[in-house]
C-alpha cells in the first residue's frame, strides 16, 4: 500500500487529461518546469550565502 503501479498512474493521467484537456496540459507542464527551475536557482543562490555566514562566525 502506498506505492503507485502502472495502472494507477495511467488512471490518474487519464483523469487529468479529461479535466484539463489536451491544450491545457502543455501550459501546466511549462509552468511546473519554470517553477522547478526557479526553485533550483534560488536554492543554488542560497547555499553560498550560508557558507559566507558560517565563515564570518569563525
N, C-alpha and C. Protein backbone atom coordinates (compact mmCIF):
# COMPACT_ATOMS: atom_id res chain seq x y z
N UNK A 1 0.84 -1.18 0.00
CA UNK A 1 0.00 0.00 0.00
C UNK A 1 0.89 1.24 0.00
N UNK A 2 0.49 2.27 -0.73
CA UNK A 2 1.27 3.48 -0.77
C UNK A 2 2.11 3.60 -2.04
N UNK A 3 2.31 2.51 -2.74
CA UNK A 3 3.07 2.55 -3.98
C UNK A 3 2.10 2.61 -5.15
N UNK A 4 2.45 3.42 -6.14
CA UNK A 4 1.61 3.53 -7.32
C UNK A 4 2.14 2.62 -8.41
N UNK A 5 1.28 1.81 -8.94
CA UNK A 5 1.64 0.94 -10.04
C UNK A 5 1.35 1.60 -11.37
N UNK A 6 1.65 0.91 -12.44
CA UNK A 6 1.44 1.44 -13.78
C UNK A 6 -0.03 1.73 -14.03
N UNK A 7 -0.90 0.85 -13.58
CA UNK A 7 -2.33 1.03 -13.80
C UNK A 7 -2.84 2.29 -13.11
N UNK A 8 -2.42 2.51 -11.87
CA UNK A 8 -2.87 3.69 -11.14
C UNK A 8 -2.38 4.97 -11.78
N UNK A 9 -1.13 4.97 -12.25
CA UNK A 9 -0.58 6.15 -12.90
C UNK A 9 -1.34 6.46 -14.18
N UNK A 10 -1.67 5.43 -14.95
CA UNK A 10 -2.42 5.63 -16.19
C UNK A 10 -3.83 6.17 -15.91
N UNK A 11 -4.47 5.69 -14.86
CA UNK A 11 -5.79 6.19 -14.49
C UNK A 11 -5.71 7.66 -14.09
N UNK A 12 -4.71 8.01 -13.31
CA UNK A 12 -4.53 9.40 -12.89
C UNK A 12 -4.30 10.29 -14.10
N UNK A 13 -3.45 9.85 -15.02
CA UNK A 13 -3.18 10.64 -16.22
C UNK A 13 -4.43 10.80 -17.09
N UNK A 14 -5.24 9.77 -17.17
CA UNK A 14 -6.49 9.85 -17.94
C UNK A 14 -7.45 10.85 -17.30
N UNK A 15 -7.55 10.85 -15.99
CA UNK A 15 -8.42 11.81 -15.29
C UNK A 15 -7.93 13.24 -15.50
N UNK A 16 -6.61 13.45 -15.41
CA UNK A 16 -6.05 14.78 -15.64
C UNK A 16 -6.34 15.24 -17.06
N UNK A 17 -6.20 14.34 -18.02
CA UNK A 17 -6.49 14.68 -19.42
C UNK A 17 -7.95 15.05 -19.60
N UNK A 18 -8.84 14.34 -18.94
CA UNK A 18 -10.27 14.66 -19.05
C UNK A 18 -10.61 15.99 -18.39
N UNK A 19 -9.97 16.28 -17.26
CA UNK A 19 -10.27 17.52 -16.53
C UNK A 19 -9.73 18.75 -17.25
N UNK A 20 -8.50 18.69 -17.71
CA UNK A 20 -7.86 19.88 -18.24
C UNK A 20 -7.85 19.95 -19.77
N UNK A 21 -8.00 18.85 -20.43
CA UNK A 21 -7.99 18.85 -21.89
C UNK A 21 -6.57 18.84 -22.43
N UNK A 22 -6.45 18.54 -23.70
CA UNK A 22 -5.14 18.41 -24.33
C UNK A 22 -4.39 19.72 -24.48
N UNK A 23 -5.10 20.84 -24.59
CA UNK A 23 -4.44 22.13 -24.80
C UNK A 23 -3.86 22.70 -23.51
N UNK A 24 -4.47 22.42 -22.39
CA UNK A 24 -4.03 22.99 -21.11
C UNK A 24 -2.82 22.27 -20.53
N UNK A 25 -2.64 20.99 -20.82
CA UNK A 25 -1.58 20.20 -20.20
C UNK A 25 -0.18 20.75 -20.53
N UNK A 26 0.13 21.11 -21.79
CA UNK A 26 1.46 21.69 -22.05
C UNK A 26 1.70 22.99 -21.28
N UNK A 27 0.65 23.79 -21.13
CA UNK A 27 0.78 25.03 -20.36
C UNK A 27 1.08 24.73 -18.89
N UNK A 28 0.40 23.72 -18.35
CA UNK A 28 0.62 23.35 -16.96
C UNK A 28 2.05 22.82 -16.75
N UNK A 29 2.52 22.00 -17.68
CA UNK A 29 3.87 21.44 -17.57
C UNK A 29 4.93 22.53 -17.72
N UNK A 30 4.67 23.50 -18.59
CA UNK A 30 5.60 24.61 -18.77
C UNK A 30 5.70 25.42 -17.47
N UNK A 31 4.57 25.67 -16.85
CA UNK A 31 4.56 26.40 -15.58
C UNK A 31 5.26 25.62 -14.48
N UNK A 32 5.03 24.32 -14.45
CA UNK A 32 5.67 23.46 -13.45
C UNK A 32 7.18 23.44 -13.66
N UNK A 33 7.61 23.33 -14.91
CA UNK A 33 9.04 23.31 -15.22
C UNK A 33 9.73 24.61 -14.85
N UNK A 34 9.09 25.73 -15.13
CA UNK A 34 9.70 27.02 -14.79
C UNK A 34 9.73 27.21 -13.27
N UNK A 35 8.73 26.70 -12.58
CA UNK A 35 8.73 26.78 -11.12
C UNK A 35 9.86 25.97 -10.51
N UNK A 36 10.09 24.79 -11.04
CA UNK A 36 11.18 23.94 -10.55
C UNK A 36 12.52 24.60 -10.84
N UNK A 37 12.65 25.20 -12.03
CA UNK A 37 13.89 25.89 -12.41
C UNK A 37 14.18 27.06 -11.47
N UNK A 38 13.16 27.85 -11.16
CA UNK A 38 13.32 28.96 -10.23
C UNK A 38 13.70 28.47 -8.84
N UNK A 39 13.11 27.38 -8.40
CA UNK A 39 13.41 26.82 -7.09
C UNK A 39 14.87 26.37 -7.02
N UNK A 40 15.35 25.70 -8.08
CA UNK A 40 16.74 25.26 -8.11
C UNK A 40 17.69 26.44 -8.09
N UNK A 41 17.37 27.48 -8.86
CA UNK A 41 18.22 28.67 -8.88
C UNK A 41 18.25 29.35 -7.51
N UNK A 42 17.12 29.43 -6.86
CA UNK A 42 17.06 30.04 -5.54
C UNK A 42 17.84 29.22 -4.53
N UNK A 43 17.74 27.90 -4.61
CA UNK A 43 18.48 27.03 -3.69
C UNK A 43 19.98 27.15 -3.95
N UNK A 44 20.36 27.26 -5.21
CA UNK A 44 21.77 27.38 -5.57
C UNK A 44 22.32 28.73 -5.08
N UNK A 45 21.53 29.79 -5.21
CA UNK A 45 21.95 31.11 -4.76
C UNK A 45 22.02 31.19 -3.25
N UNK A 46 21.20 30.42 -2.56
CA UNK A 46 21.15 30.46 -1.10
C UNK A 46 22.35 29.76 -0.47
N UNK A 47 22.88 28.74 -1.07
CA UNK A 47 23.98 27.99 -0.48
C UNK A 47 25.25 28.82 -0.26
N UNK A 48 25.74 29.60 -1.23
CA UNK A 48 26.93 30.41 -0.97
C UNK A 48 26.71 31.43 0.14
N UNK A 49 25.50 31.96 0.26
CA UNK A 49 25.22 32.92 1.31
C UNK A 49 25.36 32.26 2.67
N UNK A 50 24.90 31.02 2.81
CA UNK A 50 25.03 30.30 4.07
C UNK A 50 26.49 30.01 4.37
N UNK A 51 27.28 29.67 3.37
CA UNK A 51 28.70 29.38 3.57
C UNK A 51 29.43 30.61 4.04
N UNK A 52 29.11 31.77 3.48
CA UNK A 52 29.76 33.02 3.88
C UNK A 52 29.43 33.36 5.33
N UNK A 53 28.20 33.14 5.74
CA UNK A 53 27.80 33.44 7.11
C UNK A 53 28.55 32.54 8.09
N UNK A 54 28.73 31.28 7.74
CA UNK A 54 29.44 30.36 8.61
C UNK A 54 30.91 30.74 8.74
N UNK A 55 31.52 31.21 7.65
CA UNK A 55 32.91 31.62 7.68
C UNK A 55 33.10 32.88 8.51
N UNK A 56 32.12 33.79 8.47
CA UNK A 56 32.21 35.02 9.23
C UNK A 56 32.11 34.77 10.74
N UNK A 57 31.39 33.75 11.13
CA UNK A 57 31.22 33.48 12.56
C UNK A 57 32.44 32.81 13.16
N UNK A 58 33.33 32.27 12.33
CA UNK A 58 34.53 31.58 12.83
C UNK A 58 35.60 32.53 13.24
